[in-house]
């Protein structure tokens, strides 16, 4: 039932977008305005509460509990585990926005910050750290930790509904359990479709700079079709080792690209940018977390912060399951500190290198990055890369990276959607995976046709709204279950009696 209802809802949306994209666009715009106007405050408060909850939990007495039985130990070394966390969080979005977001904040800053000034440049990097830092990984950490706890310590199925069993009961077939799993599937499908749409736009931007291929919706749809065929072949032929290797290659190429830009770009300036804005971020994290503009007409918070919080919420079931599966045997404290700090720090380094290089080139040279941004946001990364030594080669590497991220993310998401819609089965059938693979691609196409980047952002925010309530229930459910645990104090002098 979960499978058929989810497919029907998403299928009707796809038909709407393909048959009448203008109607979908206008309706989505109204839904977005309603969501951000009436519930924008809720996104901010819930996300901030999740961050506080995870930090408090890490240093509470429950931090010593293992995700599994007491004699279980981690399956992977710390280095391998951190690499897997990078693979989960290092995706198309980070490559797409690494240059575009800081440049956009520089020319269109938050109200009260004068544009095209050193103040705007620093704020641009600081807000990029904020959007891709601790809050994002707190959401992923909550979902991943809760799933891992109920799966490995309580022997529940890998389903979102099972993490709420202390509240709704453990019956997989109850109406409330089915509703929660359907909401998780819809949020995941639209979150993944957003990334696929961004990936198609970015690949199109790379091909335009490398080979002169026009940037338009038609070419982006062709890119989605080709990429979908690739990840469906991988998904339905059981090439699990291949996709794991591909994920490791993704991380390797991303780190290589980062090192190239760091060395070939304004290295000393990048280090100063990172240090200064990391301080700004940590100093202002509370005020930034709860910032709205109630007395002025501004869409900046909705277009950026609310979009990101909604995107992370929509992605959280997918990323949460991935992180949970590789974290058996770790303690709660170990899990939270690892998932919160390491990827957040890497994201900050990424934006300092790519965004810092772009801003330095824009301010100190004649490179017309802002003109490229206004013409097409997806091309800014490649315009910047081509200004560096060996830029053409680096641009080819970046395009390959985006394509491999596209394929590996979509393949993994197809598996997770199949699992969610098959009662948590670790081996969903090829038929189920094929349906979800095609539907993901069609949702991305429908969103691109109905508004491009704006359409992708809109549906992430709207579909994440109901799932944000589930995050609150997850925290309550987790607390209820933790209070049943018996925590034994470790004696200060274990050798003495």
Protein backbone atom coordinates (compact mmCIF):
# COMPACT_ATOMS: atom_id res chain seq x y z
CA UNK A 1 0.00 0.00 0.00
CA UNK A 2 2.83 2.42 0.85
CA UNK A 3 4.42 1.76 -2.53
CA UNK A 4 1.25 2.22 -4.59
CA UNK A 5 0.03 5.32 -2.76
CA UNK A 6 3.46 6.99 -2.97
CA UNK A 7 3.82 6.16 -6.67
CA UNK A 8 0.29 7.43 -7.37
CA UNK A 9 0.86 10.78 -5.59
CA UNK A 10 4.25 11.42 -7.21
CA UNK A 11 3.00 10.13 -10.59
CA UNK A 12 0.07 12.58 -10.56
CA UNK A 13 2.51 15.39 -9.79
CA UNK A 14 4.70 14.36 -12.74
CA UNK A 15 1.70 14.28 -15.09
CA UNK A 16 0.67 17.74 -13.90
CA UNK A 17 4.16 19.11 -14.52
CA UNK A 18 4.49 17.53 -17.97
CA UNK A 19 0.99 18.42 -19.19
CA UNK A 20 0.63 21.88 -17.68
CA UNK A 21 3.98 23.21 -16.37
CA UNK A 22 2.67 26.79 -16.11
CA UNK A 23 -0.22 25.69 -13.90
CA UNK A 24 2.16 23.72 -11.68
CA UNK A 25 4.52 26.70 -11.47
CA UNK A 26 1.80 29.14 -10.41
CA UNK A 27 0.34 26.72 -7.85
CA UNK A 28 3.79 25.91 -6.46
CA UNK A 29 4.55 29.62 -6.13
CA UNK A 30 1.37 30.13 -4.09
CA UNK A 31 2.22 27.10 -1.92
CA UNK A 32 5.73 28.44 -1.40
CA UNK A 33 4.48 31.88 -0.36
CA UNK A 34 2.02 30.30 2.08
CA UNK A 35 4.68 27.95 3.53
CA UNK A 36 7.36 30.61 4.03
CA UNK A 37 4.97 33.31 5.26
CA UNK A 38 3.11 31.12 7.74
CA UNK A 39 5.71 28.51 8.69
CA UNK A 40 9.14 30.04 7.98
CA UNK A 41 9.58 30.62 11.71
CA UNK A 42 8.86 26.93 12.33
CA UNK A 43 11.63 25.75 9.99
CA UNK A 44 14.13 27.99 11.81
CA UNK A 45 13.06 26.98 15.33
CA UNK A 46 12.87 23.24 14.61
CA UNK A 47 16.28 23.20 12.91
CA UNK A 48 17.86 25.17 15.77
CA UNK A 49 16.24 22.83 18.34
CA UNK A 50 17.62 19.82 16.48
CA UNK A 51 21.14 21.27 16.66
CA UNK A 52 20.83 22.01 20.39
CA UNK A 53 19.31 18.56 21.03
CA UNK A 54 22.19 16.77 19.30
CA UNK A 55 24.87 18.74 21.15
CA UNK A 56 23.21 18.16 24.54
CA UNK A 57 22.69 14.46 23.77
CA UNK A 58 26.35 14.01 22.78
CA UNK A 59 27.55 15.17 26.19
CA UNK A 60 24.76 13.59 28.25
CA UNK A 61 25.01 10.33 30.16
CA UNK A 62 23.43 8.60 27.15
CA UNK A 63 26.47 9.46 25.01
CA UNK A 64 28.13 6.22 26.18
CA UNK A 65 25.40 3.98 24.73
CA UNK A 66 26.35 1.95 21.67
CA UNK A 67 24.39 1.75 18.45
CA UNK A 68 24.01 -1.98 18.80
CA UNK A 69 24.71 -4.45 21.55
CA UNK A 70 27.30 -3.56 24.19
CA UNK A 71 29.92 -5.90 22.70
CA UNK A 72 29.46 -4.52 19.14
CA UNK A 73 32.32 -2.47 17.74
CA UNK A 74 32.51 -0.24 14.62
CA UNK A 75 32.71 -2.12 11.35
CA UNK A 76 34.82 0.61 9.70
CA UNK A 77 37.90 2.52 10.80
CA UNK A 78 37.54 6.23 11.55
CA UNK A 79 39.22 7.21 8.27
CA UNK A 80 36.92 4.98 6.20
CA UNK A 81 33.89 6.15 8.18
CA UNK A 82 34.75 9.82 7.68
CA UNK A 83 35.19 9.10 3.98
CA UNK A 84 31.70 7.63 3.84
CA UNK A 85 30.30 10.70 5.61
CA UNK A 86 31.97 12.88 2.96
CA UNK A 87 30.43 10.68 0.28
CA UNK A 88 26.97 11.17 1.80
CA UNK A 89 27.28 14.94 2.17
CA UNK A 90 29.63 15.81 -0.67
CA UNK A 91 27.22 15.92 -3.55
CA UNK A 92 26.08 17.83 -6.58
CA UNK A 93 24.80 20.67 -4.41
CA UNK A 94 28.19 21.51 -2.93
CA UNK A 95 29.80 21.59 -6.39
CA UNK A 96 26.90 23.65 -7.81
CA UNK A 97 26.80 26.25 -5.03
CA UNK A 98 30.50 26.38 -4.08
CA UNK A 99 31.11 29.36 -6.36
CA UNK A 100 27.57 30.52 -7.18
CA UNK A 101 26.28 31.07 -3.63
CA UNK A 102 29.05 33.37 -2.32
CA UNK A 103 28.94 35.40 -5.56
CA UNK A 104 25.16 35.74 -5.32
CA UNK A 105 25.37 36.88 -1.68
CA UNK A 106 28.06 39.39 -2.70
CA UNK A 107 25.88 41.05 -5.34
CA UNK A 108 22.48 40.46 -3.65
CA UNK A 109 23.25 40.46 0.11
CA UNK A 110 20.91 40.25 3.05
CA UNK A 111 19.16 43.57 3.66
CA UNK A 112 21.28 45.98 5.70
CA UNK A 113 24.55 44.83 4.10
CA UNK A 114 25.79 47.11 1.28
CA UNK A 115 26.34 45.09 -1.90
CA UNK A 116 29.69 44.74 -3.68
CA UNK A 117 31.66 45.72 -0.56
CA UNK A 118 34.22 43.91 1.64
CA UNK A 119 31.43 43.57 4.22
CA UNK A 120 29.25 41.84 1.63
CA UNK A 121 32.13 39.54 0.62
CA UNK A 122 32.74 38.42 4.22
CA UNK A 123 29.00 37.98 4.85
CA UNK A 124 28.78 35.89 1.66
CA UNK A 125 31.31 33.36 2.96
CA UNK A 126 29.92 33.41 6.50
CA UNK A 127 26.37 32.64 5.31
CA UNK A 128 27.70 29.88 3.03
CA UNK A 129 29.38 28.31 6.08
CA UNK A 130 26.09 28.70 7.97
CA UNK A 131 23.91 27.13 5.27
CA UNK A 132 26.20 24.10 4.74
CA UNK A 133 27.51 23.65 8.27
CA UNK A 134 26.29 22.42 11.63
CA UNK A 135 22.53 22.83 11.07
CA UNK A 136 22.52 20.63 7.96
CA UNK A 137 24.50 17.90 9.66
CA UNK A 138 22.46 18.15 12.85
CA UNK A 139 19.36 17.21 10.82
CA UNK A 140 21.19 14.32 9.14
CA UNK A 141 22.64 13.31 12.51
CA UNK A 142 19.23 13.18 14.20
CA UNK A 143 17.64 11.02 11.50
CA UNK A 144 20.71 8.78 11.10
CA UNK A 145 21.21 8.33 14.83
CA UNK A 146 17.55 7.56 15.49
CA UNK A 147 17.38 5.02 12.67
CA UNK A 148 20.65 3.38 13.80
CA UNK A 149 19.52 3.25 17.43
CA UNK A 150 16.17 1.61 16.69
CA UNK A 151 17.66 -0.72 14.06
CA UNK A 152 20.80 -1.96 15.81
CA UNK A 153 19.86 -1.60 19.49
CA UNK A 154 16.12 -2.32 19.31
CA UNK A 155 16.11 -4.63 16.24
CA UNK A 156 13.51 -2.57 14.33
CA UNK A 157 13.16 -2.27 10.56
CA UNK A 158 15.06 0.44 8.66
CA UNK A 159 11.95 2.61 8.35
CA UNK A 160 11.17 6.14 9.52
CA UNK A 161 7.91 4.92 11.10
CA UNK A 162 9.87 2.50 13.31
CA UNK A 163 11.80 5.37 14.88
CA UNK A 164 8.45 6.66 16.19
CA UNK A 165 7.30 3.32 17.62
CA UNK A 166 7.31 4.59 21.25
CA UNK A 167 4.68 7.15 20.17
CA UNK A 168 2.63 5.41 17.47
CA UNK A 169 3.31 1.75 18.31
CA UNK A 170 5.44 -0.75 16.43
CA UNK A 171 2.83 -2.10 13.98
CA UNK A 172 4.20 -1.62 10.44
CA UNK A 173 0.71 -1.93 8.98
CA UNK A 174 -1.01 0.70 11.13
CA UNK A 175 -2.44 3.73 9.25
CA UNK A 176 -0.16 6.15 11.11
CA UNK A 177 2.96 4.10 10.29
CA UNK A 178 2.01 3.97 6.61
CA UNK A 179 1.34 7.73 6.56
CA UNK A 180 4.76 8.49 8.05
CA UNK A 181 6.55 6.22 5.57
CA UNK A 182 4.64 7.80 2.66
CA UNK A 183 5.65 11.29 3.85
CA UNK A 184 9.26 10.12 4.11
CA UNK A 185 9.14 8.77 0.55
CA UNK A 186 7.61 11.96 -0.88
CA UNK A 187 10.12 14.19 0.94
CA UNK A 188 13.02 12.02 -0.23
CA UNK A 189 11.80 11.86 -3.84
CA UNK A 190 11.53 15.64 -4.12
CA UNK A 191 14.78 16.24 -2.24
CA UNK A 192 16.64 13.90 -4.58
CA UNK A 193 14.88 15.37 -7.64
CA UNK A 194 16.15 18.80 -6.59
CA UNK A 195 19.71 17.50 -6.62
CA UNK A 196 19.21 15.78 -9.98
CA UNK A 197 17.85 19.00 -11.47
CA UNK A 198 20.78 20.99 -10.12
CA UNK A 199 23.16 18.34 -11.42
CA UNK A 200 21.67 18.50 -14.92
CA UNK A 201 21.98 22.29 -14.91
CA UNK A 202 25.59 22.12 -13.72
CA UNK A 203 26.60 19.45 -16.27
CA UNK A 204 24.97 21.57 -18.97
CA UNK A 205 27.01 24.58 -17.74
CA UNK A 206 30.22 22.52 -17.91
CA UNK A 207 29.50 21.22 -21.41
CA UNK A 208 28.70 24.77 -22.51
CA UNK A 209 32.08 26.04 -21.33
CA UNK A 210 34.01 23.04 -22.61
CA UNK A 211 32.30 22.34 -25.94
CA UNK A 212 29.90 25.24 -26.57
CA UNK A 213 26.73 23.16 -26.03
CA UNK A 214 23.80 25.53 -25.43
CA UNK A 215 22.35 25.93 -21.94
CA UNK A 216 18.62 25.18 -22.17
CA UNK A 217 15.90 22.95 -20.76
CA UNK A 218 16.01 20.55 -23.71
CA UNK A 219 19.70 19.75 -23.21
CA UNK A 220 19.19 19.40 -19.46
CA UNK A 221 16.42 16.86 -20.06
CA UNK A 222 18.74 14.92 -22.40
CA UNK A 223 21.39 14.91 -19.65
CA UNK A 224 18.82 13.60 -17.13
CA UNK A 225 17.75 10.82 -19.53
CA UNK A 226 21.34 9.67 -20.19
CA UNK A 227 22.28 9.83 -16.49
CA UNK A 228 19.09 7.97 -15.54
CA UNK A 229 19.95 5.13 -17.93
CA UNK A 230 23.42 4.91 -16.34
CA UNK A 231 22.22 4.77 -12.73
CA UNK A 232 19.36 2.36 -13.55
CA UNK A 233 21.85 -0.05 -15.15
CA UNK A 234 23.93 0.15 -11.99
CA UNK A 235 20.91 -0.12 -9.68
CA UNK A 236 19.17 -3.06 -11.36
CA UNK A 237 22.27 -5.17 -12.07
CA UNK A 238 23.37 -5.21 -8.44
CA UNK A 239 26.70 -3.51 -9.02
CA UNK A 240 27.04 -2.71 -5.32
CA UNK A 241 30.82 -2.97 -5.31
CA UNK A 242 30.94 -0.76 -8.39
CA UNK A 243 28.83 1.96 -6.79
CA UNK A 244 30.95 1.80 -3.61
CA UNK A 245 34.07 2.23 -5.72
CA UNK A 246 32.36 5.10 -7.56
CA UNK A 247 31.56 6.79 -4.24
CA UNK A 248 35.21 6.54 -3.19
CA UNK A 249 36.28 7.92 -6.57
CA UNK A 250 33.86 10.84 -6.03
CA UNK A 251 35.52 11.75 -2.75
CA UNK A 252 39.00 11.38 -4.26
CA UNK A 253 38.20 13.61 -7.24
CA UNK A 254 36.50 16.20 -5.00
CA UNK A 255 39.54 16.39 -2.69
CA UNK A 256 41.86 16.56 -5.71
CA UNK A 257 39.80 19.41 -7.17
CA UNK A 258 39.88 21.20 -3.81
CA UNK A 259 43.67 20.90 -3.59
CA UNK A 260 44.13 22.12 -7.18
CA UNK A 261 42.07 25.26 -6.60
CA UNK A 262 43.71 25.89 -3.21
CA UNK A 263 47.23 25.71 -4.66
CA UNK A 264 46.54 27.43 -8.00
CA UNK A 265 44.27 30.08 -6.50
CA UNK A 266 45.09 32.89 -4.02
CA UNK A 267 46.31 30.48 -1.31
CA UNK A 268 47.22 33.00 1.41
CA UNK A 269 43.98 34.90 0.85
CA UNK A 270 41.97 31.67 1.08
CA UNK A 271 43.50 30.89 4.50
CA UNK A 272 42.63 34.38 5.74
CA UNK A 273 39.07 34.08 4.39
CA UNK A 274 38.59 30.71 6.09
CA UNK A 275 39.94 31.87 9.45
CA UNK A 276 38.05 35.18 9.55
CA UNK A 277 34.70 33.80 8.49
CA UNK A 278 34.86 30.67 10.63
CA UNK A 279 35.12 33.09 13.56
CA UNK A 280 32.19 35.14 12.24
CA UNK A 281 30.10 32.00 11.82
CA UNK A 282 30.73 30.62 15.30
CA UNK A 283 30.30 34.05 16.93
CA UNK A 284 26.92 34.75 15.28
CA UNK A 285 25.47 31.26 14.97
CA UNK A 286 22.52 31.84 17.33
CA UNK A 287 21.37 35.14 15.78
CA UNK A 288 21.78 33.69 12.27
CA UNK A 289 19.81 30.58 13.28
CA UNK A 290 16.71 32.59 14.26
CA UNK A 291 16.95 35.46 11.77
CA UNK A 292 13.79 36.60 9.97
CA UNK A 293 12.77 39.99 8.50
CA UNK A 294 9.25 40.64 9.90
CA UNK A 295 9.28 44.43 9.37
CA UNK A 296 10.54 44.58 5.80
CA UNK A 297 9.76 43.12 2.41
CA UNK A 298 12.60 40.71 1.68
CA UNK A 299 12.68 37.21 0.17
CA UNK A 300 16.34 36.61 1.01
CA UNK A 301 15.72 34.33 4.01
CA UNK A 302 13.07 32.34 2.10
CA UNK A 303 15.22 31.99 -1.03
CA UNK A 304 18.30 30.88 0.86
CA UNK A 305 18.06 29.80 4.51
CA UNK A 306 14.54 28.33 4.36
CA UNK A 307 15.33 26.61 1.06
CA UNK A 308 18.41 24.99 2.53
CA UNK A 309 16.74 23.92 5.78
CA UNK A 310 13.90 22.39 3.77
CA UNK A 311 16.34 20.69 1.38
CA UNK A 312 18.27 19.13 4.28
CA UNK A 313 15.00 17.97 5.87
CA UNK A 314 13.86 16.44 2.56
CA UNK A 315 17.25 14.74 2.08
CA UNK A 316 17.48 13.52 5.68
CA UNK A 317 15.68 10.14 5.29
CA UNK A 318 18.03 9.19 2.44
CA UNK A 319 21.26 10.45 4.06
CA UNK A 320 20.11 9.25 7.49
CA UNK A 321 19.69 5.66 6.30
CA UNK A 322 23.10 5.77 4.60
CA UNK A 323 24.86 7.08 7.72
CA UNK A 324 22.99 4.64 9.97
CA UNK A 325 24.04 1.62 7.91
CA UNK A 326 27.76 2.40 8.29
CA UNK A 327 27.68 3.41 11.98
CA UNK A 328 26.80 0.21 13.83
CA UNK A 329 28.89 -0.25 16.97
CA UNK A 330 29.75 3.41 17.54
CA UNK A 331 28.68 5.21 20.68
CA UNK A 332 26.09 7.96 20.51
CA UNK A 333 28.73 10.54 21.51
CA UNK A 334 31.17 9.26 18.87
CA UNK A 335 28.45 9.30 16.22
CA UNK A 336 27.23 12.84 16.92
CA UNK A 337 30.69 14.43 17.17
CA UNK A 338 31.85 12.66 14.00
CA UNK A 339 28.76 13.42 11.92
CA UNK A 340 28.39 17.01 13.15
CA UNK A 341 31.95 18.28 13.07
CA UNK A 342 33.92 16.55 10.32
CA UNK A 343 31.57 17.12 7.33
CA UNK A 344 30.70 20.64 8.57
CA UNK A 345 34.39 21.57 8.70
CA UNK A 346 34.95 20.11 5.23
CA UNK A 347 32.03 22.14 3.84
CA UNK A 348 33.50 25.32 5.33
CA UNK A 349 36.89 24.55 3.77
CA UNK A 350 35.17 23.93 0.40
CA UNK A 351 33.41 27.30 0.42
CA UNK A 352 36.53 29.11 1.62
CA UNK A 353 38.52 27.63 -1.29
CA UNK A 354 35.97 27.89 -4.11
CA UNK A 355 33.92 30.87 -2.93
CA UNK A 356 36.99 32.68 -1.62
CA UNK A 357 38.84 32.19 -4.90
CA UNK A 358 35.83 33.42 -6.91
CA UNK A 359 35.39 36.54 -4.76
CA UNK A 360 39.12 37.31 -4.85
CA UNK A 361 39.17 37.02 -8.65
CA UNK A 362 36.04 39.15 -8.98
CA UNK A 363 37.37 41.90 -6.69
CA UNK A 364 41.03 41.93 -7.78
CA UNK A 365 40.97 41.03 -11.50
CA UNK A 366 38.94 41.75 -14.62
CA UNK A 367 37.30 38.31 -14.60
CA UNK A 368 33.59 38.91 -15.21
CA UNK A 369 32.20 36.35 -12.78
CA UNK A 370 29.20 38.46 -11.78
CA UNK A 371 28.17 38.79 -15.42
CA UNK A 372 28.45 35.01 -15.77
CA UNK A 373 26.34 34.60 -12.61
CA UNK A 374 23.60 36.85 -13.98
CA UNK A 375 23.65 35.10 -17.36
CA UNK A 376 23.56 31.56 -15.97
CA UNK A 377 24.37 30.49 -12.42
CA UNK A 378 25.51 27.02 -13.47
CA UNK A 379 28.39 28.41 -15.54
CA UNK A 380 30.16 30.38 -12.79
CA UNK A 381 32.20 27.44 -11.50
CA UNK A 382 33.65 26.77 -14.95
CA UNK A 383 34.34 30.43 -15.74
CA UNK A 384 36.36 30.58 -12.52
CA UNK A 385 38.20 27.30 -13.13
CA UNK A 386 39.20 28.30 -16.65
CA UNK A 387 40.88 31.45 -15.29
CA UNK A 388 43.33 29.27 -13.32
CA UNK A 389 46.40 27.46 -14.69
CA UNK A 390 45.39 24.14 -16.30
CA UNK A 391 41.82 25.45 -16.09
CA UNK A 392 40.48 23.48 -19.07
CA UNK A 393 41.71 20.18 -17.61
CA UNK A 394 40.32 21.06 -14.17
CA UNK A 395 36.95 21.92 -15.78
CA UNK A 396 36.83 18.48 -17.40
CA UNK A 397 37.56 16.87 -14.00
CA UNK A 398 34.79 18.96 -12.40
CA UNK A 399 32.27 17.91 -15.06
CA UNK A 400 33.17 14.23 -14.59
CA UNK A 401 32.81 14.71 -10.81
CA UNK A 402 29.30 16.12 -11.16
CA UNK A 403 28.26 13.26 -13.45
CA UNK A 404 29.59 10.59 -11.07
CA UNK A 405 27.90 12.32 -8.12
CA UNK A 406 24.67 12.37 -10.13
CA UNK A 407 24.84 8.64 -10.89
CA UNK A 408 25.93 7.48 -7.42
CA UNK A 409 23.43 9.70 -5.56
CA UNK A 410 20.52 8.67 -7.77
CA UNK A 411 21.49 4.99 -7.53
CA UNK A 412 21.65 5.12 -3.72
CA UNK A 413 18.39 7.08 -3.51
CA UNK A 414 16.64 4.54 -5.73
CA UNK A 415 17.67 1.81 -3.30
CA UNK A 416 16.49 3.81 -0.24
CA UNK A 417 13.12 4.66 -1.83
CA UNK A 418 12.70 1.00 -2.74
CA UNK A 419 13.49 -0.02 0.83
CA UNK A 420 11.08 2.54 2.33
CA UNK A 421 8.27 1.31 0.07
CA UNK A 422 8.94 -2.42 0.73
CA UNK A 423 8.57 -2.54 4.54
CA UNK A 424 12.26 -1.87 5.11
CA UNK A 425 13.48 -4.76 2.94
CA UNK A 426 17.25 -4.62 2.42
CA UNK A 427 16.75 -6.17 -1.03
CA UNK A 428 14.00 -4.27 -2.89
CA UNK A 429 13.15 -5.86 -6.23
CA UNK A 430 14.51 -4.52 -9.50
CA UNK A 431 10.96 -3.67 -10.54
CA UNK A 432 10.53 -1.39 -7.53
CA UNK A 433 13.94 0.24 -8.04
CA UNK A 434 13.19 0.75 -11.74
CA UNK A 435 9.91 2.53 -10.93
CA UNK A 436 11.59 4.85 -8.41
CA UNK A 437 14.51 5.57 -10.72
CA UNK A 438 12.22 6.64 -13.55
CA UNK A 439 9.95 8.64 -11.23
CA UNK A 440 12.90 10.54 -9.71
CA UNK A 441 14.04 11.56 -13.19
CA UNK A 442 10.52 12.56 -14.25
CA UNK A 443 10.05 14.69 -11.11
CA UNK A 444 13.30 16.51 -11.90
CA UNK A 445 12.12 17.09 -15.50
CA UNK A 446 8.72 18.34 -14.33
CA UNK A 447 10.33 20.77 -11.89
CA UNK A 448 12.75 22.08 -14.50
CA UNK A 449 9.89 22.62 -16.97
CA UNK A 450 7.81 24.45 -14.37
CA UNK A 451 10.41 26.96 -13.25
CA UNK A 452 13.99 25.78 -13.47
CA UNK A 453 16.01 26.54 -10.36
CA UNK A 454 13.07 28.33 -8.73
CA UNK A 455 10.85 25.29 -9.31
CA UNK A 456 13.43 22.98 -7.71
CA UNK A 457 13.73 25.23 -4.65
CA UNK A 458 9.97 25.68 -4.31
CA UNK A 459 9.02 22.01 -4.11
CA UNK A 460 11.81 21.21 -1.63
CA UNK A 461 10.41 23.76 0.80
CA UNK A 462 6.76 22.75 0.37
CA UNK A 463 7.29 18.97 0.65
CA UNK A 464 9.64 19.28 3.63
CA UNK A 465 7.00 21.03 5.76
CA UNK A 466 5.17 17.89 6.99
CA UNK A 467 8.44 16.02 7.49
CA UNK A 468 9.72 18.78 9.79
CA UNK A 469 6.97 17.73 12.23
CA UNK A 470 8.30 14.18 12.06
CA UNK A 471 11.72 15.48 13.18
CA UNK A 472 10.11 16.85 16.36
CA UNK A 473 8.36 13.52 16.96
CA UNK A 474 11.69 11.74 16.42
CA UNK A 475 13.30 13.75 19.21
CA UNK A 476 10.40 12.98 21.56
CA UNK A 477 10.42 9.29 20.62
CA UNK A 478 14.18 9.05 21.10
CA UNK A 479 13.97 10.66 24.56
CA UNK A 480 11.16 8.28 25.57
CA UNK A 481 13.21 5.24 24.55
CA UNK A 482 16.47 6.50 26.05
CA UNK A 483 14.81 6.96 29.45
CA UNK A 484 14.21 3.19 29.53
CA UNK A 485 17.95 2.53 29.23
CA UNK A 486 19.93 1.52 32.28
CA UNK A 487 23.08 3.63 32.43
CA UNK A 488 25.80 2.21 34.64
CA UNK A 489 28.33 4.65 36.05
CA UNK A 490 31.95 3.88 35.30
CA UNK A 491 33.86 3.67 38.62
CA UNK A 492 36.66 6.22 39.04
CA UNK A 493 39.03 3.51 40.28
CA UNK A 494 37.96 0.29 38.54
CA UNK A 495 40.79 -1.68 40.22
CA UNK A 496 39.66 -0.88 43.76
CA UNK A 497 36.69 -2.43 45.58
